[in-house]
Every structure is written in structure tokens, then in C-alpha cells.
């Protein structure tokens, strides 16, 4: 029984972390959009910059080289 409680608690923590990450991503996207409006960038460049940010975050989380992650994402 005890391990089931611990497991449930872990799931709640994971869900909370996922929600926080989603909120942070939304805030980052809004901030990025505001900056891009000021700079007047094209949609294509915005997409590329967001991909770079995702790659950087993955690299930091996983701790692997840039080429490994880039090759897996295509």
C-alpha cells in the first residue's frame, strides 16, 4: 500500500511539473512573439528560432551533443 501512495504522489509531481513547463513555454512564446513583432521578422524565421530553442533545451536536459539530437529530429 505504501508504495502505491508514493507512486501516486510521484505522478502528481510529474503532472505539476508538466503543467509548469507548459505555462513557461506559453510565456516564452508570448515574449518571443512580442519581440518579433517589434523586429518585424517573417514567419519562417520565427519557426527556425523556436526550433533552435527546443534543440538547446533538449541538449541541456539530455546532456548529449548537438549532432546526436539534431540527427534524431531530422
N, C-alpha and C. Protein backbone atom coordinates (compact mmCIF):
# COMPACT_ATOMS: atom_id res chain seq x y z
N UNK A 1 0.83 -1.21 0.00
CA UNK A 1 0.00 0.00 0.00
C UNK A 1 0.86 1.26 0.00
N UNK A 2 1.93 1.18 0.76
CA UNK A 2 2.77 2.37 0.91
C UNK A 2 3.37 2.80 -0.44
N UNK A 3 3.85 1.84 -1.20
CA UNK A 3 4.46 2.18 -2.47
C UNK A 3 3.44 2.73 -3.46
N UNK A 4 2.18 2.31 -3.32
CA UNK A 4 1.14 2.86 -4.20
C UNK A 4 0.93 4.34 -3.91
N UNK A 5 0.94 4.69 -2.63
CA UNK A 5 0.80 6.10 -2.26
C UNK A 5 1.96 6.91 -2.82
N UNK A 6 3.16 6.36 -2.67
CA UNK A 6 4.35 7.06 -3.16
C UNK A 6 4.25 7.24 -4.68
N UNK A 7 3.77 6.20 -5.35
CA UNK A 7 3.65 6.25 -6.80
C UNK A 7 2.65 7.34 -7.21
N UNK A 8 1.55 7.40 -6.52
CA UNK A 8 0.55 8.44 -6.82
C UNK A 8 1.12 9.82 -6.59
N UNK A 9 1.86 9.98 -5.50
CA UNK A 9 2.48 11.27 -5.22
C UNK A 9 3.46 11.65 -6.31
N UNK A 10 4.21 10.68 -6.81
CA UNK A 10 5.14 10.93 -7.90
C UNK A 10 4.42 11.36 -9.16
N UNK A 11 3.28 10.74 -9.42
CA UNK A 11 2.50 11.11 -10.60
C UNK A 11 2.00 12.54 -10.49
N UNK A 12 1.55 12.91 -9.30
CA UNK A 12 1.07 14.28 -9.11
C UNK A 12 2.20 15.27 -9.34
N UNK A 13 3.38 14.95 -8.81
CA UNK A 13 4.52 15.84 -9.00
C UNK A 13 4.86 15.95 -10.48
N UNK A 14 4.83 14.85 -11.19
CA UNK A 14 5.12 14.87 -12.62
C UNK A 14 4.11 15.74 -13.35
N UNK A 15 2.83 15.58 -13.01
CA UNK A 15 1.79 16.37 -13.66
C UNK A 15 1.99 17.85 -13.38
N UNK A 16 2.34 18.18 -12.13
CA UNK A 16 2.57 19.58 -11.78
C UNK A 16 3.75 20.13 -12.55
N UNK A 17 4.83 19.35 -12.66
CA UNK A 17 6.00 19.80 -13.41
C UNK A 17 5.65 20.01 -14.87
N UNK A 18 4.86 19.10 -15.45
CA UNK A 18 4.47 19.24 -16.84
C UNK A 18 3.63 20.50 -17.04
N UNK A 19 2.72 20.77 -16.11
CA UNK A 19 1.90 21.97 -16.22
C UNK A 19 2.77 23.23 -16.13
N UNK A 20 3.73 23.22 -15.21
CA UNK A 20 4.63 24.37 -15.07
C UNK A 20 5.42 24.57 -16.35
N UNK A 21 5.91 23.48 -16.94
CA UNK A 21 6.68 23.59 -18.18
C UNK A 21 5.81 24.16 -19.30
N UNK A 22 4.55 23.71 -19.39
CA UNK A 22 3.66 24.21 -20.42
C UNK A 22 3.42 25.71 -20.23
N UNK A 23 3.21 26.13 -18.97
CA UNK A 23 2.99 27.54 -18.69
C UNK A 23 4.22 28.36 -19.07
N UNK A 24 5.41 27.84 -18.74
CA UNK A 24 6.63 28.54 -19.09
C UNK A 24 6.77 28.66 -20.60
N UNK A 25 6.44 27.59 -21.32
CA UNK A 25 6.54 27.62 -22.77
C UNK A 25 5.60 28.67 -23.35
N UNK A 26 4.38 28.75 -22.82
CA UNK A 26 3.42 29.73 -23.31
C UNK A 26 3.95 31.14 -23.06
N UNK A 27 4.49 31.37 -21.87
CA UNK A 27 5.04 32.68 -21.55
C UNK A 27 6.20 33.02 -22.47
N UNK A 28 7.07 32.04 -22.72
CA UNK A 28 8.21 32.27 -23.61
C UNK A 28 7.73 32.59 -25.02
N UNK A 29 6.72 31.86 -25.48
CA UNK A 29 6.20 32.10 -26.82
C UNK A 29 5.62 33.50 -26.93
N UNK A 30 4.88 33.92 -25.91
CA UNK A 30 4.30 35.26 -25.94
C UNK A 30 5.39 36.32 -25.98
N UNK A 31 6.41 36.15 -25.14
CA UNK A 31 7.51 37.11 -25.11
C UNK A 31 8.23 37.12 -26.46
N UNK A 32 8.42 35.95 -27.01
CA UNK A 32 9.11 35.84 -28.30
C UNK A 32 8.29 36.51 -29.40
N UNK A 33 6.98 36.31 -29.38
CA UNK A 33 6.12 36.92 -30.39
C UNK A 33 6.16 38.45 -30.29
N UNK A 34 6.15 38.97 -29.06
CA UNK A 34 6.21 40.42 -28.89
C UNK A 34 7.51 40.97 -29.46
N UNK A 35 8.61 40.31 -29.18
CA UNK A 35 9.90 40.76 -29.69
C UNK A 35 9.92 40.71 -31.21
N UNK A 36 9.36 39.65 -31.77
CA UNK A 36 9.36 39.51 -33.22
C UNK A 36 8.47 40.55 -33.89
N UNK A 37 7.39 40.92 -33.25
CA UNK A 37 6.54 41.98 -33.80
C UNK A 37 7.32 43.28 -33.87
N UNK A 38 8.10 43.54 -32.81
CA UNK A 38 8.90 44.75 -32.80
C UNK A 38 9.95 44.72 -33.90
N UNK A 39 10.55 43.56 -34.09
CA UNK A 39 11.61 43.43 -35.08
C UNK A 39 11.05 43.26 -36.50
N UNK A 40 9.81 42.83 -36.61
CA UNK A 40 9.17 42.64 -37.91
C UNK A 40 9.72 41.44 -38.67
N UNK A 41 9.97 40.36 -37.99
CA UNK A 41 10.51 39.16 -38.63
C UNK A 41 9.43 38.42 -39.43
N UNK A 42 9.89 37.57 -40.30
CA UNK A 42 8.96 36.75 -41.08
C UNK A 42 8.60 35.50 -40.30
N UNK A 43 7.54 34.85 -40.72
CA UNK A 43 7.07 33.65 -40.04
C UNK A 43 8.10 32.52 -40.12
N UNK A 44 8.78 32.42 -41.23
CA UNK A 44 9.76 31.35 -41.42
C UNK A 44 10.90 31.47 -40.41
N UNK A 45 11.37 32.66 -40.19
CA UNK A 45 12.46 32.86 -39.22
C UNK A 45 11.99 32.53 -37.81
N UNK A 46 10.77 32.88 -37.49
CA UNK A 46 10.23 32.59 -36.15
C UNK A 46 10.25 31.08 -35.90
N UNK A 47 9.82 30.33 -36.89
CA UNK A 47 9.78 28.88 -36.75
C UNK A 47 11.18 28.32 -36.53
N UNK A 48 12.14 28.84 -37.25
CA UNK A 48 13.50 28.37 -37.13
C UNK A 48 14.07 28.69 -35.74
N UNK A 49 13.79 29.88 -35.25
CA UNK A 49 14.32 30.26 -33.94
C UNK A 49 13.70 29.40 -32.83
N UNK A 50 12.42 29.06 -32.96
CA UNK A 50 11.79 28.23 -31.93
C UNK A 50 12.37 26.82 -31.97
N UNK A 51 12.71 26.34 -33.16
CA UNK A 51 13.34 25.02 -33.27
C UNK A 51 14.70 25.03 -32.59
N UNK A 52 15.44 26.13 -32.77
CA UNK A 52 16.75 26.24 -32.13
C UNK A 52 16.60 26.22 -30.62
N UNK A 53 15.59 26.92 -30.11
CA UNK A 53 15.36 26.94 -28.66
C UNK A 53 15.04 25.54 -28.15
N UNK A 54 14.23 24.80 -28.89
CA UNK A 54 13.88 23.45 -28.49
C UNK A 54 15.12 22.57 -28.48
N UNK A 55 15.94 22.71 -29.52
CA UNK A 55 17.18 21.94 -29.57
C UNK A 55 18.08 22.25 -28.39
N UNK A 56 18.22 23.53 -28.06
CA UNK A 56 19.09 23.92 -26.95
C UNK A 56 18.55 23.33 -25.64
N UNK A 57 17.24 23.40 -25.45
CA UNK A 57 16.67 22.86 -24.21
C UNK A 57 16.88 21.35 -24.13
N UNK A 58 16.70 20.66 -25.24
CA UNK A 58 16.93 19.22 -25.26
C UNK A 58 18.39 18.89 -24.95
N UNK A 59 19.29 19.66 -25.55
CA UNK A 59 20.71 19.43 -25.30
C UNK A 59 21.04 19.59 -23.82
N UNK A 60 20.48 20.61 -23.22
CA UNK A 60 20.77 20.85 -21.81
C UNK A 60 20.17 19.75 -20.93
N UNK A 61 18.98 19.30 -21.27
CA UNK A 61 18.32 18.28 -20.45
C UNK A 61 19.01 16.93 -20.60
N UNK A 62 19.32 16.57 -21.81
CA UNK A 62 19.88 15.24 -22.06
C UNK A 62 21.38 15.23 -21.79
N UNK A 63 22.05 16.31 -22.14
CA UNK A 63 23.49 16.38 -21.92
C UNK A 63 24.26 15.69 -23.03
N UNK A 64 23.68 15.57 -24.20
CA UNK A 64 24.36 14.96 -25.34
C UNK A 64 24.80 16.04 -26.31
N UNK A 65 25.51 15.60 -27.32
CA UNK A 65 25.99 16.53 -28.34
C UNK A 65 24.90 17.01 -29.27
N UNK A 66 25.13 18.15 -29.87
CA UNK A 66 24.18 18.79 -30.77
C UNK A 66 23.86 17.88 -31.97
N UNK A 67 24.85 17.24 -32.52
CA UNK A 67 24.64 16.44 -33.72
C UNK A 67 23.74 15.24 -33.47
N UNK A 68 23.84 14.63 -32.29
CA UNK A 68 23.02 13.46 -31.98
C UNK A 68 21.55 13.85 -31.96
N UNK A 69 21.23 14.93 -31.28
CA UNK A 69 19.83 15.36 -31.16
C UNK A 69 19.32 15.84 -32.51
N UNK A 70 20.13 16.61 -33.22
CA UNK A 70 19.70 17.15 -34.49
C UNK A 70 19.40 16.02 -35.47
N UNK A 71 20.22 14.99 -35.46
CA UNK A 71 20.01 13.87 -36.38
C UNK A 71 18.72 13.11 -36.05
N UNK A 72 18.36 13.03 -34.77
CA UNK A 72 17.14 12.33 -34.40
C UNK A 72 15.90 13.12 -34.75
N UNK A 73 15.98 14.45 -34.69
CA UNK A 73 14.81 15.28 -35.01
C UNK A 73 14.64 15.46 -36.51
N UNK A 74 15.67 15.22 -37.26
CA UNK A 74 15.57 15.34 -38.70
C UNK A 74 16.16 16.61 -39.09
